[in-house]
PDB file of N, CA and C in Angstrom:
ATOM      1  N   UNK A   1      12.629 192.731 -48.576  1.00  0.00           N
ATOM      2  CA  UNK A   1      13.436 194.259 -47.378  1.00  0.00           C
ATOM      3  C   UNK A   1      11.575 195.575 -47.255  1.00  0.00           C
ATOM      4  N   UNK A   2      11.869 195.757 -45.960  1.00  0.00           N
ATOM      5  CA  UNK A   2      11.384 196.750 -45.552  1.00  0.00           C
ATOM      6  C   UNK A   2      11.918 197.798 -46.254  1.00  0.00           C
ATOM      7  N   UNK A   3      11.110 198.816 -46.236  1.00  0.00           N
ATOM      8  CA  UNK A   3      11.850 200.338 -47.150  1.00  0.00           C
ATOM      9  C   UNK A   3      12.328 200.724 -45.233  1.00  0.00           C
ATOM     10  N   UNK A   4      12.127 200.178 -44.430  1.00  0.00           N
ATOM     11  CA  UNK A   4      12.912 201.099 -43.541  1.00  0.00           C
ATOM     12  C   UNK A   4      14.279 200.794 -43.361  1.00  0.00           C
ATOM     13  N   UNK A   5      14.493 199.450 -43.810  1.00  0.00           N
ATOM     14  CA  UNK A   5      15.989 199.622 -44.494  1.00  0.00           C
ATOM     15  C   UNK A   5      16.485 200.104 -45.083  1.00  0.00           C
ATOM     16  N   UNK A   6      16.029 200.807 -46.071  1.00  0.00           N
ATOM     17  CA  UNK A   6      16.612 201.869 -47.077  1.00  0.00           C
ATOM     18  C   UNK A   6      16.961 203.014 -46.229  1.00  0.00           C
ATOM     19  N   UNK A   7      16.932 203.839 -44.621  1.00  0.00           N
ATOM     20  CA  UNK A   7      16.768 204.807 -44.378  1.00  0.00           C
ATOM     21  C   UNK A   7      17.769 204.663 -43.355  1.00  0.00           C
ATOM     22  N   UNK A   8      18.934 205.666 -43.397  1.00  0.00           N
ATOM     23  CA  UNK A   8      20.078 205.629 -42.607  1.00  0.00           C
ATOM     24  C   UNK A   8      20.354 207.176 -41.666  1.00  0.00           C
ATOM     25  N   UNK A   9      21.340 206.942 -41.062  1.00  0.00           N
ATOM     26  CA  UNK A   9      21.792 207.960 -40.375  1.00  0.00           C
ATOM     27  C   UNK A   9      23.039 208.623 -40.143  1.00  0.00           C
ATOM     28  N   UNK A  10      23.708 209.867 -40.550  1.00  0.00           N
ATOM     29  CA  UNK A  10      25.233 209.678 -40.516  1.00  0.00           C
ATOM     30  C   UNK A  10      25.603 209.533 -38.837  1.00  0.00           C
ATOM     31  N   UNK A  11      25.117 209.641 -38.069  1.00  0.00           N
ATOM     32  CA  UNK A  11      25.413 209.425 -36.365  1.00  0.00           C
ATOM     33  C   UNK A  11      25.293 208.039 -36.317  1.00  0.00           C
ATOM     34  N   UNK A  12      24.390 207.263 -36.635  1.00  0.00           N
ATOM     35  CA  UNK A  12      24.460 205.699 -35.712  1.00  0.00           C
ATOM     36  C   UNK A  12      25.795 205.380 -36.395  1.00  0.00           C
ATOM     37  N   UNK A  13      26.251 204.815 -35.527  1.00  0.00           N
ATOM     38  CA  UNK A  13      27.832 204.050 -35.979  1.00  0.00           C
ATOM     39  C   UNK A  13      27.406 202.634 -36.016  1.00  0.00           C
ATOM     40  N   UNK A  14      26.088 202.449 -35.519  1.00  0.00           N
ATOM     41  CA  UNK A  14      25.730 200.668 -35.691  1.00  0.00           C
ATOM     42  C   UNK A  14      25.612 200.371 -37.036  1.00  0.00           C
ATOM     43  N   UNK A  15      25.237 201.650 -38.007  1.00  0.00           N
ATOM     44  CA  UNK A  15      24.867 201.299 -39.236  1.00  0.00           C
ATOM     45  C   UNK A  15      25.803 200.785 -40.256  1.00  0.00           C
ATOM     46  N   UNK A  16      25.786 200.319 -41.246  1.00  0.00           N
ATOM     47  CA  UNK A  16      26.536 200.420 -42.444  1.00  0.00           C
ATOM     48  C   UNK A  16      27.441 199.206 -42.191  1.00  0.00           C
ATOM     49  N   UNK A  17      28.731 198.975 -43.227  1.00  0.00           N
ATOM     50  CA  UNK A  17      29.559 197.537 -43.029  1.00  0.00           C
ATOM     51  C   UNK A  17      31.030 198.582 -42.309  1.00  0.00           C
ATOM     52  N   UNK A  18      31.410 198.259 -41.247  1.00  0.00           N
ATOM     53  CA  UNK A  18      32.328 198.983 -40.688  1.00  0.00           C
ATOM     54  C   UNK A  18      33.845 198.414 -40.905  1.00  0.00           C
ATOM     55  N   UNK A  19      34.648 199.315 -41.702  1.00  0.00           N
ATOM     56  CA  UNK A  19      35.857 199.065 -42.045  1.00  0.00           C
ATOM     57  C   UNK A  19      37.028 200.037 -41.704  1.00  0.00           C
ATOM     58  N   UNK A  20      38.356 199.364 -40.950  1.00  0.00           N
ATOM     59  CA  UNK A  20      39.327 200.331 -40.621  1.00  0.00           C
ATOM     60  C   UNK A  20      39.865 200.919 -41.688  1.00  0.00           C
ATOM     61  N   UNK A  21      40.600 201.424 -42.152  1.00  0.00           N
ATOM     62  CA  UNK A  21      41.333 202.051 -42.967  1.00  0.00           C
ATOM     63  C   UNK A  21      42.491 202.462 -43.023  1.00  0.00           C
ATOM     64  N   UNK A  22      42.930 202.596 -41.883  1.00  0.00           N
ATOM     65  CA  UNK A  22      44.338 203.062 -41.799  1.00  0.00           C
ATOM     66  C   UNK A  22      44.144 203.357 -40.240  1.00  0.00           C
ATOM     67  N   UNK A  23      44.856 203.366 -39.235  1.00  0.00           N
ATOM     68  CA  UNK A  23      45.193 204.264 -38.187  1.00  0.00           C
ATOM     69  C   UNK A  23      44.126 205.951 -37.717  1.00  0.00           C
ATOM     70  N   UNK A  24      43.502 205.465 -37.388  1.00  0.00           N
ATOM     71  CA  UNK A  24      43.165 206.690 -37.452  1.00  0.00           C
ATOM     72  C   UNK A  24      41.657 207.273 -38.002  1.00  0.00           C
ATOM     73  N   UNK A  25      41.800 206.353 -39.367  1.00  0.00           N
ATOM     74  CA  UNK A  25      40.707 206.307 -40.059  1.00  0.00           C
ATOM     75  C   UNK A  25      39.926 204.890 -40.247  1.00  0.00           C
ATOM     76  N   UNK A  26      38.506 205.313 -39.899  1.00  0.00           N
ATOM     77  CA  UNK A  26      37.913 204.251 -39.954  1.00  0.00           C
ATOM     78  C   UNK A  26      36.560 204.699 -40.923  1.00  0.00           C
ATOM     79  N   UNK A  27      35.890 203.637 -41.393  1.00  0.00           N
ATOM     80  CA  UNK A  27      34.791 204.193 -42.490  1.00  0.00           C
ATOM     81  C   UNK A  27      33.464 202.986 -42.014  1.00  0.00           C
ATOM     82  N   UNK A  28      32.044 203.540 -42.507  1.00  0.00           N
ATOM     83  CA  UNK A  28      30.981 202.808 -42.439  1.00  0.00           C
ATOM     84  C   UNK A  28      30.138 202.909 -43.512  1.00  0.00           C
ATOM     85  N   UNK A  29      30.445 201.961 -44.570  1.00  0.00           N
ATOM     86  CA  UNK A  29      29.694 201.472 -46.041  1.00  0.00           C
ATOM     87  C   UNK A  29      28.390 201.313 -46.073  1.00  0.00           C
ATOM     88  N   UNK A  30      27.496 202.088 -47.398  1.00  0.00           N
ATOM     89  CA  UNK A  30      26.338 201.720 -47.165  1.00  0.00           C
ATOM     90  C   UNK A  30      26.542 201.372 -48.804  1.00  0.00           C
ATOM     91  N   UNK A  31      26.057 200.610 -49.487  1.00  0.00           N
ATOM     92  CA  UNK A  31      26.539 200.153 -50.835  1.00  0.00           C
ATOM     93  C   UNK A  31      24.546 199.410 -51.352  1.00  0.00           C
ATOM     94  N   UNK A  32      24.890 200.075 -52.956  1.00  0.00           N
ATOM     95  CA  UNK A  32      23.492 200.165 -53.548  1.00  0.00           C
ATOM     96  C   UNK A  32      23.911 199.231 -54.448  1.00  0.00           C
ATOM     97  N   UNK A  33      23.052 199.524 -55.577  1.00  0.00           N
ATOM     98  CA  UNK A  33      23.209 198.397 -56.976  1.00  0.00           C
ATOM     99  C   UNK A  33      23.951 198.863 -57.600  1.00  0.00           C
ATOM    100  N   UNK A  34      24.150 200.701 -57.713  1.00  0.00           N
ATOM    101  CA  UNK A  34      24.939 201.533 -58.639  1.00  0.00           C
ATOM    102  C   UNK A  34      25.525 202.551 -58.030  1.00  0.00           C
ATOM    103  N   UNK A  35      25.603 202.514 -56.874  1.00  0.00           N
ATOM    104  CA  UNK A  35      26.621 203.679 -56.007  1.00  0.00           C
ATOM    105  C   UNK A  35      26.623 203.100 -54.611  1.00  0.00           C
ATOM    106  N   UNK A  36      27.629 203.247 -54.120  1.00  0.00           N
ATOM    107  CA  UNK A  36      27.529 203.123 -53.031  1.00  0.00           C
ATOM    108  C   UNK A  36      28.655 204.512 -51.753  1.00  0.00           C
ATOM    109  N   UNK A  37      27.526 204.528 -50.709  1.00  0.00           N
ATOM    110  CA  UNK A  37      28.208 205.477 -49.771  1.00  0.00           C
ATOM    111  C   UNK A  37      29.122 205.144 -48.548  1.00  0.00           C
ATOM    112  N   UNK A  38      30.071 206.168 -48.449  1.00  0.00           N
ATOM    113  CA  UNK A  38      30.860 205.348 -47.173  1.00  0.00           C
ATOM    114  C   UNK A  38      31.661 206.955 -46.376  1.00  0.00           C
ATOM    115  N   UNK A  39      30.906 206.738 -45.296  1.00  0.00           N
ATOM    116  CA  UNK A  39      31.276 207.675 -44.299  1.00  0.00           C
ATOM    117  C   UNK A  39      32.578 207.779 -43.572  1.00  0.00           C
ATOM    118  N   UNK A  40      33.519 208.333 -43.526  1.00  0.00           N
ATOM    119  CA  UNK A  40      34.718 207.946 -43.311  1.00  0.00           C
ATOM    120  C   UNK A  40      35.141 209.027 -42.070  1.00  0.00           C
ATOM    121  N   UNK A  41      35.463 208.577 -40.833  1.00  0.00           N
ATOM    122  CA  UNK A  41      35.738 209.176 -39.757  1.00  0.00           C
ATOM    123  C   UNK A  41      37.249 210.129 -39.777  1.00  0.00           C
ATOM    124  N   UNK A  42      38.168 210.591 -39.364  1.00  0.00           N
ATOM    125  CA  UNK A  42      39.151 210.834 -39.837  1.00  0.00           C
ATOM    126  C   UNK A  42      39.754 211.683 -38.282  1.00  0.00           C
ATOM    127  N   UNK A  43      40.517 211.148 -37.542  1.00  0.00           N
ATOM    128  CA  UNK A  43      41.180 210.994 -36.176  1.00  0.00           C
ATOM    129  C   UNK A  43      42.139 212.896 -36.606  1.00  0.00           C
ATOM    130  N   UNK A  44      42.727 213.998 -35.471  1.00  0.00           N
ATOM    131  CA  UNK A  44      42.847 215.072 -35.800  1.00  0.00           C
ATOM    132  C   UNK A  44      43.958 214.514 -36.012  1.00  0.00           C
ATOM    133  N   UNK A  45      44.768 215.298 -37.178  1.00  0.00           N
ATOM    134  CA  UNK A  45      46.226 215.156 -37.998  1.00  0.00           C
ATOM    135  C   UNK A  45      46.588 213.953 -38.542  1.00  0.00           C
ATOM    136  N   UNK A  46      45.508 212.957 -38.831  1.00  0.00           N
ATOM    137  CA  UNK A  46      45.568 211.525 -39.195  1.00  0.00           C
ATOM    138  C   UNK A  46      45.495 211.211 -40.524  1.00  0.00           C
ATOM    139  N   UNK A  47      46.377 210.519 -41.429  1.00  0.00           N
ATOM    140  CA  UNK A  47      46.524 210.270 -43.027  1.00  0.00           C
ATOM    141  C   UNK A  47      46.239 209.239 -43.281  1.00  0.00           C
ATOM    142  N   UNK A  48      45.518 208.649 -44.556  1.00  0.00           N
ATOM    143  CA  UNK A  48      45.139 207.588 -45.389  1.00  0.00           C
ATOM    144  C   UNK A  48      46.423 207.520 -46.308  1.00  0.00           C
ATOM    145  N   UNK A  49      46.716 206.635 -46.377  1.00  0.00           N
ATOM    146  CA  UNK A  49      47.588 206.000 -48.246  1.00  0.00           C
ATOM    147  C   UNK A  49      47.251 206.716 -48.647  1.00  0.00           C
ATOM    148  N   UNK A  50      48.240 207.199 -49.665  1.00  0.00           N
ATOM    149  CA  UNK A  50      48.020 207.334 -51.488  1.00  0.00           C
ATOM    150  C   UNK A  50      47.729 206.146 -51.924  1.00  0.00           C
ATOM    151  N   UNK A  51      46.279 205.817 -52.865  1.00  0.00           N
ATOM    152  CA  UNK A  51      45.891 204.985 -53.243  1.00  0.00           C
ATOM    153  C   UNK A  51      44.983 205.114 -54.645  1.00  0.00           C
ATOM    154  N   UNK A  52      44.808 204.338 -55.182  1.00  0.00           N
ATOM    155  CA  UNK A  52      43.820 204.213 -55.965  1.00  0.00           C
ATOM    156  C   UNK A  52      43.501 203.332 -56.732  1.00  0.00           C
ATOM    157  N   UNK A  53      41.598 203.667 -57.257  1.00  0.00           N
ATOM    158  CA  UNK A  53      40.948 202.359 -58.044  1.00  0.00           C
ATOM    159  C   UNK A  53      40.453 202.721 -59.042  1.00  0.00           C
ATOM    160  N   UNK A  54      39.589 202.179 -59.516  1.00  0.00           N
ATOM    161  CA  UNK A  54      38.817 202.352 -61.063  1.00  0.00           C
ATOM    162  C   UNK A  54      37.968 202.823 -60.497  1.00  0.00           C
ATOM    163  N   UNK A  55      37.031 202.874 -59.545  1.00  0.00           N
ATOM    164  CA  UNK A  55      35.864 204.042 -59.770  1.00  0.00           C
ATOM    165  C   UNK A  55      36.063 205.101 -59.761  1.00  0.00           C
ATOM    166  N   UNK A  56      34.971 205.957 -59.902  1.00  0.00           N
ATOM    167  CA  UNK A  56      35.060 207.078 -60.115  1.00  0.00           C
ATOM    168  C   UNK A  56      34.333 207.250 -58.372  1.00  0.00           C
ATOM    169  N   UNK A  57      34.842 208.370 -57.835  1.00  0.00           N
ATOM    170  CA  UNK A  57      34.385 208.932 -56.066  1.00  0.00           C
ATOM    171  C   UNK A  57      34.214 210.200 -56.538  1.00  0.00           C
ATOM    172  N   UNK A  58      33.297 210.627 -55.641  1.00  0.00           N
ATOM    173  CA  UNK A  58      33.388 211.996 -55.339  1.00  0.00           C
ATOM    174  C   UNK A  58      32.916 212.395 -53.453  1.00  0.00           C
ATOM    175  N   UNK A  59      33.618 213.440 -52.633  1.00  0.00           N
ATOM    176  CA  UNK A  59      33.975 213.201 -51.570  1.00  0.00           C
ATOM    177  C   UNK A  59      33.067 214.550 -51.187  1.00  0.00           C
ATOM    178  N   UNK A  60      32.509 214.766 -50.280  1.00  0.00           N
ATOM    179  CA  UNK A  60      31.906 215.677 -49.300  1.00  0.00           C
ATOM    180  C   UNK A  60      32.619 216.284 -47.979  1.00  0.00           C
ATOM    181  N   UNK A  61      33.613 217.284 -47.240  1.00  0.00           N
ATOM    182  CA  UNK A  61      33.671 217.458 -46.351  1.00  0.00           C
ATOM    183  C   UNK A  61      32.729 217.925 -45.131  1.00  0.00           C
ATOM    184  N   UNK A  62      32.134 216.722 -44.213  1.00  0.00           N
ATOM    185  CA  UNK A  62      30.722 217.324 -43.368  1.00  0.00           C
ATOM    186  C   UNK A  62      30.944 218.091 -42.041  1.00  0.00           C
ATOM    187  N   UNK A  63      32.300 217.469 -42.308  1.00  0.00           N
ATOM    188  CA  UNK A  63      33.120 218.227 -40.639  1.00  0.00           C
ATOM    189  C   UNK A  63      34.197 218.415 -40.661  1.00  0.00           C
ATOM    190  N   UNK A  64      35.193 219.411 -39.940  1.00  0.00           N
ATOM    191  CA  UNK A  64      36.603 219.481 -39.819  1.00  0.00           C
ATOM    192  C   UNK A  64      37.653 220.352 -40.509  1.00  0.00           C
ATOM    193  N   UNK A  65      37.875 219.655 -40.772  1.00  0.00           N
ATOM    194  CA  UNK A  65      39.164 220.465 -41.914  1.00  0.00           C
ATOM    195  C   UNK A  65      39.855 219.550 -42.096  1.00  0.00           C
ATOM    196  N   UNK A  66      40.606 219.412 -43.494  1.00  0.00           N
ATOM    197  CA  UNK A  66      41.529 218.510 -44.458  1.00  0.00           C
ATOM    198  C   UNK A  66      42.174 219.092 -45.194  1.00  0.00           C
ATOM    199  N   UNK A  67      43.354 218.274 -45.916  1.00  0.00           N
ATOM    200  CA  UNK A  67      44.014 218.432 -47.267  1.00  0.00           C
ATOM    201  C   UNK A  67      43.668 217.328 -48.074  1.00  0.00           C
ATOM    202  N   UNK A  68      43.111 217.694 -49.409  1.00  0.00           N
ATOM    203  CA  UNK A  68      42.999 216.464 -49.827  1.00  0.00           C
ATOM    204  C   UNK A  68      43.913 216.197 -50.893  1.00  0.00           C
ATOM    205  N   UNK A  69      44.646 215.676 -51.093  1.00  0.00           N
ATOM    206  CA  UNK A  69      45.831 215.504 -51.867  1.00  0.00           C
ATOM    207  C   UNK A  69      45.503 214.520 -52.767  1.00  0.00           C
ATOM    208  N   UNK A  70      45.509 214.893 -54.191  1.00  0.00           N
ATOM    209  CA  UNK A  70      44.868 214.348 -55.402  1.00  0.00           C
ATOM    210  C   UNK A  70      45.862 214.722 -56.462  1.00  0.00           C
ATOM    211  N   UNK A  71      46.201 213.566 -57.068  1.00  0.00           N
ATOM    212  CA  UNK A  71      46.941 213.768 -58.611  1.00  0.00           C
ATOM    213  C   UNK A  71      48.198 214.832 -58.596  1.00  0.00           C
ATOM    214  N   UNK A  72      49.176 214.623 -57.257  1.00  0.00           N
ATOM    215  CA  UNK A  72      50.105 215.086 -56.902  1.00  0.00           C
ATOM    216  C   UNK A  72      49.646 216.771 -56.636  1.00  0.00           C
ATOM    217  N   UNK A  73      48.520 217.049 -56.228  1.00  0.00           N
ATOM    218  CA  UNK A  73      48.500 218.262 -55.184  1.00  0.00           C
ATOM    219  C   UNK A  73      48.059 218.066 -53.973  1.00  0.00           C
ATOM    220  N   UNK A  74      47.870 219.207 -53.063  1.00  0.00           N
ATOM    221  CA  UNK A  74      47.451 219.290 -51.787  1.00  0.00           C
ATOM    222  C   UNK A  74      46.264 220.509 -51.960  1.00  0.00           C
ATOM    223  N   UNK A  75      45.133 219.933 -51.497  1.00  0.00           N
ATOM    224  CA  UNK A  75      44.229 221.190 -51.376  1.00  0.00           C
ATOM    225  C   UNK A  75      43.363 221.159 -50.502  1.00  0.00           C
ATOM    226  N   UNK A  76      43.684 222.307 -49.625  1.00  0.00           N
ATOM    227  CA  UNK A  76      43.047 222.447 -48.440  1.00  0.00           C
ATOM    228  C   UNK A  76      41.440 222.494 -48.693  1.00  0.00           C
ATOM    229  N   UNK A  77      40.463 221.926 -47.890  1.00  0.00           N
ATOM    230  CA  UNK A  77      39.388 221.576 -48.070  1.00  0.00           C
ATOM    231  C   UNK A  77      38.785 222.087 -46.205  1.00  0.00           C
ATOM    232  N   UNK A  78      37.566 222.562 -46.221  1.00  0.00           N
ATOM    233  CA  UNK A  78      36.384 223.081 -45.395  1.00  0.00           C
ATOM    234  C   UNK A  78      35.438 222.644 -45.512  1.00  0.00           C
ATOM    235  N   UNK A  79      34.474 222.415 -44.298  1.00  0.00           N
ATOM    236  CA  UNK A  79      33.250 222.203 -44.391  1.00  0.00           C
ATOM    237  C   UNK A  79      32.219 222.494 -45.110  1.00  0.00           C
ATOM    238  N   UNK A  80      31.683 221.580 -45.890  1.00  0.00           N
ATOM    239  CA  UNK A  80      30.822 222.171 -47.409  1.00  0.00           C
ATOM    240  C   UNK A  80      31.612 221.554 -48.708  1.00  0.00           C
ATOM    241  N   UNK A  81      32.972 221.928 -48.683  1.00  0.00           N
ATOM    242  CA  UNK A  81      33.937 221.509 -49.648  1.00  0.00           C
ATOM    243  C   UNK A  81      32.980 220.482 -50.405  1.00  0.00           C
ATOM    244  N   UNK A  82      33.058 219.940 -51.671  1.00  0.00           N
ATOM    245  CA  UNK A  82      33.055 218.700 -52.517  1.00  0.00           C
ATOM    246  C   UNK A  82      34.299 218.873 -53.510  1.00  0.00           C
ATOM    247  N   UNK A  83      34.256 217.564 -53.980  1.00  0.00           N
ATOM    248  CA  UNK A  83      35.175 217.126 -55.176  1.00  0.00           C
ATOM    249  C   UNK A  83      35.330 216.037 -55.884  1.00  0.00           C
ATOM    250  N   UNK A  84      35.323 215.739 -57.063  1.00  0.00           N
ATOM    251  CA  UNK A  84      35.580 214.640 -57.545  1.00  0.00           C
ATOM    252  C   UNK A  84      36.834 213.969 -58.545  1.00  0.00           C
ATOM    253  N   UNK A  85      37.052 212.298 -57.800  1.00  0.00           N
ATOM    254  CA  UNK A  85      38.028 211.826 -57.906  1.00  0.00           C
ATOM    255  C   UNK A  85      38.244 210.792 -59.137  1.00  0.00           C
ATOM    256  N   UNK A  86      38.195 211.043 -60.143  1.00  0.00           N
ATOM    257  CA  UNK A  86      38.201 209.781 -61.256  1.00  0.00           C
ATOM    258  C   UNK A  86      39.223 208.835 -61.439  1.00  0.00           C
ATOM    259  N   UNK A  87      38.080 207.946 -61.883  1.00  0.00           N
ATOM    260  CA  UNK A  87      39.401 206.847 -61.454  1.00  0.00           C
ATOM    261  C   UNK A  87      40.109 206.718 -61.759  1.00  0.00           C
ATOM    262  N   UNK A  88      41.343 205.942 -61.145  1.00  0.00           N
ATOM    263  CA  UNK A  88      42.837 205.947 -61.393  1.00  0.00           C
ATOM    264  C   UNK A  88      43.833 207.072 -61.051  1.00  0.00           C
ATOM    265  N   UNK A  89      43.278 207.783 -60.364  1.00  0.00           N
ATOM    266  CA  UNK A  89      43.945 209.104 -60.081  1.00  0.00           C
ATOM    267  C   UNK A  89      44.505 208.793 -58.264  1.00  0.00           C
ATOM    268  N   UNK A  90      45.683 208.817 -58.092  1.00  0.00           N
ATOM    269  CA  UNK A  90      46.535 208.283 -56.864  1.00  0.00           C
ATOM    270  C   UNK A  90      45.188 209.858 -56.097  1.00  0.00           C
ATOM    271  N   UNK A  91      45.232 209.538 -54.626  1.00  0.00           N
ATOM    272  CA  UNK A  91      44.757 210.590 -53.620  1.00  0.00           C
ATOM    273  C   UNK A  91      44.399 210.095 -52.339  1.00  0.00           C
ATOM    274  N   UNK A  92      44.873 210.765 -51.503  1.00  0.00           N
ATOM    275  CA  UNK A  92      44.678 210.586 -49.858  1.00  0.00           C
ATOM    276  C   UNK A  92      43.792 211.654 -49.441  1.00  0.00           C
ATOM    277  N   UNK A  93      43.671 211.381 -47.952  1.00  0.00           N
ATOM    278  CA  UNK A  93      43.626 212.901 -47.259  1.00  0.00           C
ATOM    279  C   UNK A  93      43.869 212.970 -45.391  1.00  0.00           C
ATOM    280  N   UNK A  94      44.691 214.063 -45.397  1.00  0.00           N
ATOM    281  CA  UNK A  94      44.570 214.346 -44.337  1.00  0.00           C
ATOM    282  C   UNK A  94      43.857 214.969 -43.314  1.00  0.00           C
ATOM    283  N   UNK A  95      43.651 215.242 -42.122  1.00  0.00           N
ATOM    284  CA  UNK A  95      43.073 215.806 -41.200  1.00  0.00           C
ATOM    285  C   UNK A  95      43.474 216.722 -40.662  1.00  0.00           C
ATOM    286  N   UNK A  96      42.688 217.938 -40.229  1.00  0.00           N
ATOM    287  CA  UNK A  96      43.518 219.232 -39.679  1.00  0.00           C
ATOM    288  C   UNK A  96      43.433 218.736 -38.017  1.00  0.00           C
ATOM    289  N   UNK A  97      43.673 219.552 -37.241  1.00  0.00           N
ATOM    290  CA  UNK A  97      43.965 219.355 -36.105  1.00  0.00           C
ATOM    291  C   UNK A  97      42.690 218.994 -35.284  1.00  0.00           C
ATOM    292  N   UNK A  98      41.101 219.669 -35.453  1.00  0.00           N
ATOM    293  CA  UNK A  98      40.395 219.191 -35.065  1.00  0.00           C
ATOM    294  C   UNK A  98      39.178 217.913 -35.611  1.00  0.00           C
ATOM    295  N   UNK A  99      40.289 216.696 -36.286  1.00  0.00           N
ATOM    296  CA  UNK A  99      39.711 216.140 -37.438  1.00  0.00           C
ATOM    297  C   UNK A  99      38.850 216.037 -38.375  1.00  0.00           C
ATOM    298  N   UNK A 100      38.026 215.271 -39.054  1.00  0.00           N
ATOM    299  CA  UNK A 100      37.593 215.392 -40.212  1.00  0.00           C
ATOM    300  C   UNK A 100      36.427 213.965 -40.504  1.00  0.00           C
ATOM    301  N   UNK A 101      35.165 214.519 -40.965  1.00  0.00           N
ATOM    302  CA  UNK A 101      34.567 213.884 -41.165  1.00  0.00           C
ATOM    303  C   UNK A 101      33.907 213.843 -42.759  1.00  0.00           C
ATOM    304  N   UNK A 102      34.113 212.992 -43.809  1.00  0.00           N
ATOM    305  CA  UNK A 102      33.996 212.572 -45.454  1.00  0.00           C
ATOM    306  C   UNK A 102      32.772 212.136 -45.772  1.00  0.00           C
ATOM    307  N   UNK A 103      31.896 212.181 -46.446  1.00  0.00           N
ATOM    308  CA  UNK A 103      31.064 211.290 -46.956  1.00  0.00           C
ATOM    309  C   UNK A 103      31.616 211.109 -48.306  1.00  0.00           C
ATOM    310  N   UNK A 104      32.142 210.056 -48.938  1.00  0.00           N
ATOM    311  CA  UNK A 104      32.640 209.577 -50.260  1.00  0.00           C
ATOM    312  C   UNK A 104      31.341 208.941 -51.021  1.00  0.00           C
ATOM    313  N   UNK A 105      31.264 209.133 -52.211  1.00  0.00           N
ATOM    314  CA  UNK A 105      30.785 208.353 -53.010  1.00  0.00           C
ATOM    315  C   UNK A 105      31.193 207.994 -54.091  1.00  0.00           C
ATOM    316  N   UNK A 106      30.616 206.235 -54.245  1.00  0.00           N
ATOM    317  CA  UNK A 106      31.552 205.680 -55.692  1.00  0.00           C
ATOM    318  C   UNK A 106      30.649 205.363 -56.513  1.00  0.00           C
ATOM    319  N   UNK A 107      31.073 204.822 -58.089  1.00  0.00           N
ATOM    320  CA  UNK A 107      30.306 204.672 -58.477  1.00  0.00           C
ATOM    321  C   UNK A 107      31.035 204.288 -59.694  1.00  0.00           C
ATOM    322  N   UNK A 108      31.219 202.997 -60.468  1.00  0.00           N
ATOM    323  CA  UNK A 108      30.421 201.613 -59.356  1.00  0.00           C
ATOM    324  C   UNK A 108      30.464 201.482 -57.877  1.00  0.00           C
ATOM    325  N   UNK A 109      29.801 201.056 -57.301  1.00  0.00           N
ATOM    326  CA  UNK A 109      30.520 200.358 -55.858  1.00  0.00           C
ATOM    327  C   UNK A 109      31.737 199.520 -56.172  1.00  0.00           C
ATOM    328  N   UNK A 110      32.392 199.564 -55.004  1.00  0.00           N
ATOM    329  CA  UNK A 110      33.551 199.132 -54.809  1.00  0.00           C
ATOM    330  C   UNK A 110      33.507 197.895 -54.376  1.00  0.00           C
ATOM    331  N   UNK A 111      33.779 196.577 -55.152  1.00  0.00           N
ATOM    332  CA  UNK A 111      33.620 195.048 -54.449  1.00  0.00           C
ATOM    333  C   UNK A 111      34.259 194.593 -53.314  1.00  0.00           C
ATOM    334  N   UNK A 112      35.765 195.193 -53.348  1.00  0.00           N
ATOM    335  CA  UNK A 112      35.939 195.032 -51.656  1.00  0.00           C
ATOM    336  C   UNK A 112      35.624 195.829 -50.641  1.00  0.00           C
ATOM    337  N   UNK A 113      34.679 196.964 -50.880  1.00  0.00           N
ATOM    338  CA  UNK A 113      34.205 197.461 -49.685  1.00  0.00           C
ATOM    339  C   UNK A 113      32.877 196.942 -48.992  1.00  0.00           C
ATOM    340  N   UNK A 114      32.128 195.671 -49.739  1.00  0.00           N
ATOM    341  CA  UNK A 114      30.896 194.825 -49.547  1.00  0.00           C
ATOM    342  C   UNK A 114      31.375 194.406 -48.523  1.00  0.00           C
ATOM    343  N   UNK A 115      32.449 194.247 -48.151  1.00  0.00           N
ATOM    344  CA  UNK A 115      32.619 193.243 -46.523  1.00  0.00           C
ATOM    345  C   UNK A 115      33.016 194.612 -45.588  1.00  0.00           C
ATOM    346  N   UNK A 116      33.508 194.045 -44.021  1.00  0.00           N
ATOM    347  CA  UNK A 116      34.124 194.451 -43.051  1.00  0.00           C
ATOM    348  C   UNK A 116      35.710 193.681 -43.812  1.00  0.00           C
ATOM    349  N   UNK A 117      36.181 194.608 -42.867  1.00  0.00           N
ATOM    350  CA  UNK A 117      37.897 194.578 -43.056  1.00  0.00           C
ATOM    351  C   UNK A 117      38.305 195.831 -43.015  1.00  0.00           C
ATOM    352  N   UNK A 118      39.780 195.392 -43.265  1.00  0.00           N
ATOM    353  CA  UNK A 118      41.093 196.422 -43.039  1.00  0.00           C
ATOM    354  C   UNK A 118      41.440 196.784 -44.289  1.00  0.00           C
ATOM    355  N   UNK A 119      41.731 198.649 -44.036  1.00  0.00           N
ATOM    356  CA  UNK A 119      42.478 198.818 -45.413  1.00  0.00           C
ATOM    357  C   UNK A 119      41.744 198.994 -46.401  1.00  0.00           C
ATOM    358  N   UNK A 120      42.258 200.014 -47.581  1.00  0.00           N
ATOM    359  CA  UNK A 120      41.231 200.392 -48.675  1.00  0.00           C
ATOM    360  C   UNK A 120      41.406 199.314 -49.370  1.00  0.00           C
ATOM    361  N   UNK A 121      41.817 198.289 -49.734  1.00  0.00           N
ATOM    362  CA  UNK A 121      41.936 197.118 -50.798  1.00  0.00           C
ATOM    363  C   UNK A 121      42.322 197.962 -51.840  1.00  0.00           C
ATOM    364  N   UNK A 122      43.024 198.621 -51.886  1.00  0.00           N
ATOM    365  CA  UNK A 122      43.025 199.189 -53.637  1.00  0.00           C
ATOM    366  C   UNK A 122      44.930 199.317 -53.448  1.00  0.00           C
ATOM    367  N   UNK A 123      45.524 199.831 -54.771  1.00  0.00           N
ATOM    368  CA  UNK A 123      47.008 199.752 -54.987  1.00  0.00           C
ATOM    369  C   UNK A 123      47.514 201.215 -54.754  1.00  0.00           C
TER     370      UNK A 123
END
């Protein structure tokens, strides 16, 4: 593998593994050995489904505005905010009127996200 294969760009829509999480939510996934990145694009006012998974997840709001729904609370987030979601905690996100773009980081990598597909692949 060339070292060039280890470099990516947030705005390159051709990179990563594509997954449609829900209507208005798509992601591009980049998997490593111990961590996984997911660049999630959320359409204006769109929301994901409540779900949980055993992997720890960190998120960073890159663009737009949103409400993070996690552990029974709704927390408004703005560009630059980041958060941690422990494994097993129910969560989702709802974008504001301009939509949102989020960088999610999973450790360990999520097995179901190593292939293209649809849905969160969780309960």
